[in-house]
Amino acid sequence: MTCRANDISPYYYIQHLFKALPNRQHIDDDFTELMPWNVQLDFDYS
């Protein structure tokens, strides 16, 4: 519902997370920039 509230596709958001999370260096990293309201997805929805 947070994705919908922020006008992004949950499918593409999860794809983004699966690409971004393995690149994190430490478990204590700040994940705020990965929250739906901070993510800019550049996918072609057609």
PDB file of N, CA and C in Angstrom:
ATOM      1  N   MET A   1       0.818  -1.183   0.000  1.00  0.00           N
ATOM      2  CA  MET A   1       0.000   0.000   0.000  1.00  0.00           C
ATOM      3  C   MET A   1       0.871   1.260   0.000  1.00  0.00           C
ATOM      4  N   THR A   2       2.056   1.164   0.556  1.00  0.00           N
ATOM      5  CA  THR A   2       2.954   2.323   0.559  1.00  0.00           C
ATOM      6  C   THR A   2       3.399   2.652  -0.853  1.00  0.00           C
ATOM      7  N   CYS A   3       3.633   1.635  -1.668  1.00  0.00           N
ATOM      8  CA  CYS A   3       3.980   1.884  -3.068  1.00  0.00           C
ATOM      9  C   CYS A   3       2.831   2.584  -3.776  1.00  0.00           C
ATOM     10  N   ARG A   4       1.637   2.087  -3.573  1.00  0.00           N
ATOM     11  CA  ARG A   4       0.474   2.688  -4.214  1.00  0.00           C
ATOM     12  C   ARG A   4       0.305   4.142  -3.759  1.00  0.00           C
ATOM     13  N   ALA A   5       0.502   4.393  -2.473  1.00  0.00           N
ATOM     14  CA  ALA A   5       0.378   5.756  -1.946  1.00  0.00           C
ATOM     15  C   ALA A   5       1.431   6.690  -2.542  1.00  0.00           C
ATOM     16  N   ASN A   6       2.573   6.115  -2.965  1.00  0.00           N
ATOM     17  CA  ASN A   6       3.645   6.919  -3.547  1.00  0.00           C
ATOM     18  C   ASN A   6       3.686   6.817  -5.065  1.00  0.00           C
ATOM     19  N   ASP A   7       2.653   6.249  -5.639  1.00  0.00           N
ATOM     20  CA  ASP A   7       2.469   6.186  -7.086  1.00  0.00           C
ATOM     21  C   ASP A   7       3.576   5.438  -7.819  1.00  0.00           C
ATOM     22  N   ILE A   8       4.027   4.325  -7.220  1.00  0.00           N
ATOM     23  CA  ILE A   8       5.002   3.486  -7.900  1.00  0.00           C
ATOM     24  C   ILE A   8       4.492   2.052  -7.930  1.00  0.00           C
ATOM     25  N   SER A   9       4.944   1.298  -8.887  1.00  0.00           N
ATOM     26  CA  SER A   9       4.536  -0.088  -9.049  1.00  0.00           C
ATOM     27  C   SER A   9       5.253  -0.961  -8.009  1.00  0.00           C
ATOM     28  N   PRO A  10       4.503  -1.729  -7.218  1.00  0.00           N
ATOM     29  CA  PRO A  10       5.152  -2.632  -6.257  1.00  0.00           C
ATOM     30  C   PRO A  10       6.098  -3.628  -6.935  1.00  0.00           C
ATOM     31  N   TYR A  11       5.731  -4.093  -8.115  1.00  0.00           N
ATOM     32  CA  TYR A  11       6.570  -5.042  -8.849  1.00  0.00           C
ATOM     33  C   TYR A  11       7.946  -4.443  -9.144  1.00  0.00           C
ATOM     34  N   TYR A  12       7.969  -3.236  -9.684  1.00  0.00           N
ATOM     35  CA  TYR A  12       9.237  -2.603 -10.022  1.00  0.00           C
ATOM     36  C   TYR A  12       9.991  -2.150  -8.772  1.00  0.00           C
ATOM     37  N   TYR A  13       9.281  -1.825  -7.732  1.00  0.00           N
ATOM     38  CA  TYR A  13       9.931  -1.462  -6.476  1.00  0.00           C
ATOM     39  C   TYR A  13      10.675  -2.666  -5.897  1.00  0.00           C
ATOM     40  N   ILE A  14      10.026  -3.831  -5.892  1.00  0.00           N
ATOM     41  CA  ILE A  14      10.684  -5.043  -5.387  1.00  0.00           C
ATOM     42  C   ILE A  14      11.883  -5.401  -6.257  1.00  0.00           C
ATOM     43  N   GLN A  15      11.757  -5.248  -7.567  1.00  0.00           N
ATOM     44  CA  GLN A  15      12.906  -5.479  -8.454  1.00  0.00           C
ATOM     45  C   GLN A  15      14.060  -4.558  -8.071  1.00  0.00           C
ATOM     46  N   HIS A  16      13.744  -3.308  -7.825  1.00  0.00           N
ATOM     47  CA  HIS A  16      14.761  -2.338  -7.427  1.00  0.00           C
ATOM     48  C   HIS A  16      15.442  -2.771  -6.119  1.00  0.00           C
ATOM     49  N   LEU A  17      14.654  -3.225  -5.144  1.00  0.00           N
ATOM     50  CA  LEU A  17      15.220  -3.670  -3.872  1.00  0.00           C
ATOM     51  C   LEU A  17      16.141  -4.865  -4.055  1.00  0.00           C
ATOM     52  N   PHE A  18      15.736  -5.820  -4.898  1.00  0.00           N
ATOM     53  CA  PHE A  18      16.571  -6.995  -5.127  1.00  0.00           C
ATOM     54  C   PHE A  18      17.897  -6.646  -5.784  1.00  0.00           C
ATOM     55  N   LYS A  19      17.932  -5.548  -6.516  1.00  0.00           N
ATOM     56  CA  LYS A  19      19.189  -5.095  -7.119  1.00  0.00           C
ATOM     57  C   LYS A  19      20.009  -4.260  -6.144  1.00  0.00           C
ATOM     58  N   ALA A  20      19.350  -3.473  -5.320  1.00  0.00           N
ATOM     59  CA  ALA A  20      20.054  -2.543  -4.429  1.00  0.00           C
ATOM     60  C   ALA A  20      20.549  -3.198  -3.144  1.00  0.00           C
ATOM     61  N   LEU A  21      19.786  -4.084  -2.567  1.00  0.00           N
ATOM     62  CA  LEU A  21      20.143  -4.644  -1.264  1.00  0.00           C
ATOM     63  C   LEU A  21      21.445  -5.450  -1.257  1.00  0.00           C
ATOM     64  N   PRO A  22      21.738  -6.251  -2.269  1.00  0.00           N
ATOM     65  CA  PRO A  22      23.017  -6.984  -2.234  1.00  0.00           C
ATOM     66  C   PRO A  22      24.246  -6.065  -2.279  1.00  0.00           C
ATOM     67  N   ASN A  23      24.076  -4.830  -2.707  1.00  0.00           N
ATOM     68  CA  ASN A  23      25.201  -3.900  -2.787  1.00  0.00           C
ATOM     69  C   ASN A  23      25.459  -3.168  -1.481  1.00  0.00           C
ATOM     70  N   ARG A  24      24.671  -3.424  -0.467  1.00  0.00           N
ATOM     71  CA  ARG A  24      24.858  -2.774   0.827  1.00  0.00           C
ATOM     72  C   ARG A  24      26.087  -3.355   1.498  1.00  0.00           C
ATOM     73  N   GLN A  25      26.866  -2.516   2.130  1.00  0.00           N
ATOM     74  CA  GLN A  25      28.105  -2.959   2.748  1.00  0.00           C
ATOM     75  C   GLN A  25      27.900  -3.541   4.146  1.00  0.00           C
ATOM     76  N   HIS A  26      27.037  -2.911   4.944  1.00  0.00           N
ATOM     77  CA  HIS A  26      26.873  -3.335   6.335  1.00  0.00           C
ATOM     78  C   HIS A  26      25.398  -3.476   6.675  1.00  0.00           C
ATOM     79  N   ILE A  27      25.116  -4.343   7.608  1.00  0.00           N
ATOM     80  CA  ILE A  27      23.739  -4.541   8.054  1.00  0.00           C
ATOM     81  C   ILE A  27      23.204  -3.290   8.749  1.00  0.00           C
ATOM     82  N   ASP A  28      24.106  -2.453   9.273  1.00  0.00           N
ATOM     83  CA  ASP A  28      23.696  -1.246   9.995  1.00  0.00           C
ATOM     84  C   ASP A  28      23.520  -0.041   9.073  1.00  0.00           C
ATOM     85  N   ASP A  29      23.661  -0.232   7.773  1.00  0.00           N
ATOM     86  CA  ASP A  29      23.477   0.884   6.833  1.00  0.00           C
ATOM     87  C   ASP A  29      22.077   1.472   6.965  1.00  0.00           C
ATOM     88  N   ASP A  30      21.980   2.751   6.659  1.00  0.00           N
ATOM     89  CA  ASP A  30      20.690   3.432   6.666  1.00  0.00           C
ATOM     90  C   ASP A  30      19.921   3.040   5.407  1.00  0.00           C
ATOM     91  N   PHE A  31      18.722   2.542   5.581  1.00  0.00           N
ATOM     92  CA  PHE A  31      17.903   2.089   4.465  1.00  0.00           C
ATOM     93  C   PHE A  31      16.834   3.100   4.073  1.00  0.00           C
ATOM     94  N   THR A  32      16.912   4.293   4.614  1.00  0.00           N
ATOM     95  CA  THR A  32      15.909   5.311   4.356  1.00  0.00           C
ATOM     96  C   THR A  32      15.779   5.628   2.873  1.00  0.00           C
ATOM     97  N   GLU A  33      16.897   5.657   2.161  1.00  0.00           N
ATOM     98  CA  GLU A  33      16.817   5.995   0.734  1.00  0.00           C
ATOM     99  C   GLU A  33      16.147   4.907  -0.094  1.00  0.00           C
ATOM    100  N   LEU A  34      15.936   3.728   0.482  1.00  0.00           N
ATOM    101  CA  LEU A  34      15.270   2.647  -0.242  1.00  0.00           C
ATOM    102  C   LEU A  34      13.766   2.595   0.016  1.00  0.00           C
ATOM    103  N   MET A  35      13.274   3.465   0.854  1.00  0.00           N
ATOM    104  CA  MET A  35      11.841   3.494   1.135  1.00  0.00           C
ATOM    105  C   MET A  35      11.087   4.003  -0.094  1.00  0.00           C
ATOM    106  N   PRO A  36       9.862   3.546  -0.302  1.00  0.00           N
ATOM    107  CA  PRO A  36       9.131   3.899  -1.524  1.00  0.00           C
ATOM    108  C   PRO A  36       9.022   5.399  -1.785  1.00  0.00           C
ATOM    109  N   TRP A  37       8.934   6.204  -0.759  1.00  0.00           N
ATOM    110  CA  TRP A  37       8.794   7.648  -0.980  1.00  0.00           C
ATOM    111  C   TRP A  37      10.107   8.300  -1.379  1.00  0.00           C
ATOM    112  N   ASN A  38      11.223   7.585  -1.327  1.00  0.00           N
ATOM    113  CA  ASN A  38      12.522   8.128  -1.719  1.00  0.00           C
ATOM    114  C   ASN A  38      13.065   7.525  -3.012  1.00  0.00           C
ATOM    115  N   VAL A  39      12.399   6.543  -3.564  1.00  0.00           N
ATOM    116  CA  VAL A  39      12.899   5.816  -4.741  1.00  0.00           C
ATOM    117  C   VAL A  39      12.333   6.429  -6.009  1.00  0.00           C
ATOM    118  N   GLN A  40      13.216   6.662  -6.970  1.00  0.00           N
ATOM    119  CA  GLN A  40      12.803   7.102  -8.302  1.00  0.00           C
ATOM    120  C   GLN A  40      13.064   5.940  -9.255  1.00  0.00           C
ATOM    121  N   LEU A  41      12.007   5.341  -9.756  1.00  0.00           N
ATOM    122  CA  LEU A  41      12.143   4.203 -10.668  1.00  0.00           C
ATOM    123  C   LEU A  41      12.056   4.699 -12.098  1.00  0.00           C
ATOM    124  N   ASP A  42      12.988   4.264 -12.909  1.00  0.00           N
ATOM    125  CA  ASP A  42      13.034   4.661 -14.323  1.00  0.00           C
ATOM    126  C   ASP A  42      12.785   3.437 -15.200  1.00  0.00           C
ATOM    127  N   PHE A  43      11.573   2.939 -15.171  1.00  0.00           N
ATOM    128  CA  PHE A  43      11.206   1.778 -15.965  1.00  0.00           C
ATOM    129  C   PHE A  43      10.190   2.209 -17.023  1.00  0.00           C
ATOM    130  N   ASP A  44      10.250   1.533 -18.139  1.00  0.00           N
ATOM    131  CA  ASP A  44       9.265   1.746 -19.188  1.00  0.00           C
ATOM    132  C   ASP A  44       8.064   0.862 -18.893  1.00  0.00           C
ATOM    133  N   TYR A  45       6.932   1.444 -18.577  1.00  0.00           N
ATOM    134  CA  TYR A  45       5.749   0.688 -18.185  1.00  0.00           C
ATOM    135  C   TYR A  45       4.941   0.185 -19.361  1.00  0.00           C
ATOM    136  N   SER A  46       5.407   0.394 -20.585  1.00  0.00           N
ATOM    137  CA  SER A  46       4.615  -0.061 -21.735  1.00  0.00           C
ATOM    138  C   SER A  46       4.809  -1.525 -22.035  1.00  0.00           C
TER     139      SER A  46
END
